[in-house]
Amino acid sequence: MSGKIVLSREGYDKLFEELQYLKSTKRREVTEALSVARAHGDLKENAEYDAAKEAKAHLETRISQLEDKLSRAQILDLANVPKDKVFLGATVEVENLKVKEKFTYRLVAEDEADFDSGKIAVTSPIGKGLLGRALYEEAEIRVPAGVIKMKILKIEYV
């Protein structure tokens, strides 16, 4: 793959920690499981061996994906981001004007998105709809359920 991936420091560190865990602890565990399964004899009809081989393949694929992402990662420098508009890294408080409810989202890279934690990807419908908007600006955002109208109440960069 090519192209830079923009990540927050937190997102980069999380991927880096996962990579370190997979390369050390998890790789050792999977290799041990493979050895134990191999010791059970006939490999042609050994479901445990097949499962261990598949787990090893999945692990190596994930390690490769993480190494690729981290090699292309660019850590977002919030010092260079205009603070009066919504960009990657912003924590935004919005009001859904139809239902009069307030929500707080942090706009993050796709790899960091976690809706349950209030982190939405800038590539999501809401993320795209908020990007580049200014304080108190209203946005009509097309989501799978229709169109929602949101007003930006607060923009913070932490």
Foldseek 3Di string as FASTA:
>chain_A
DDAAFEFAPVLLVVLVVVLVCLVPVVLVVLVVQLVVQVVVDDPVPRVSNVVSVVSNVVSVVSNVVSVVNNVRYDHDDCVPDDQFADDQQKWWWKAFVVVRDIAIAHEGDPSPDDVVVRYDYCPAQVNVQRGGHGAQDWTWTQHPVGTIIMGTHDIDHD
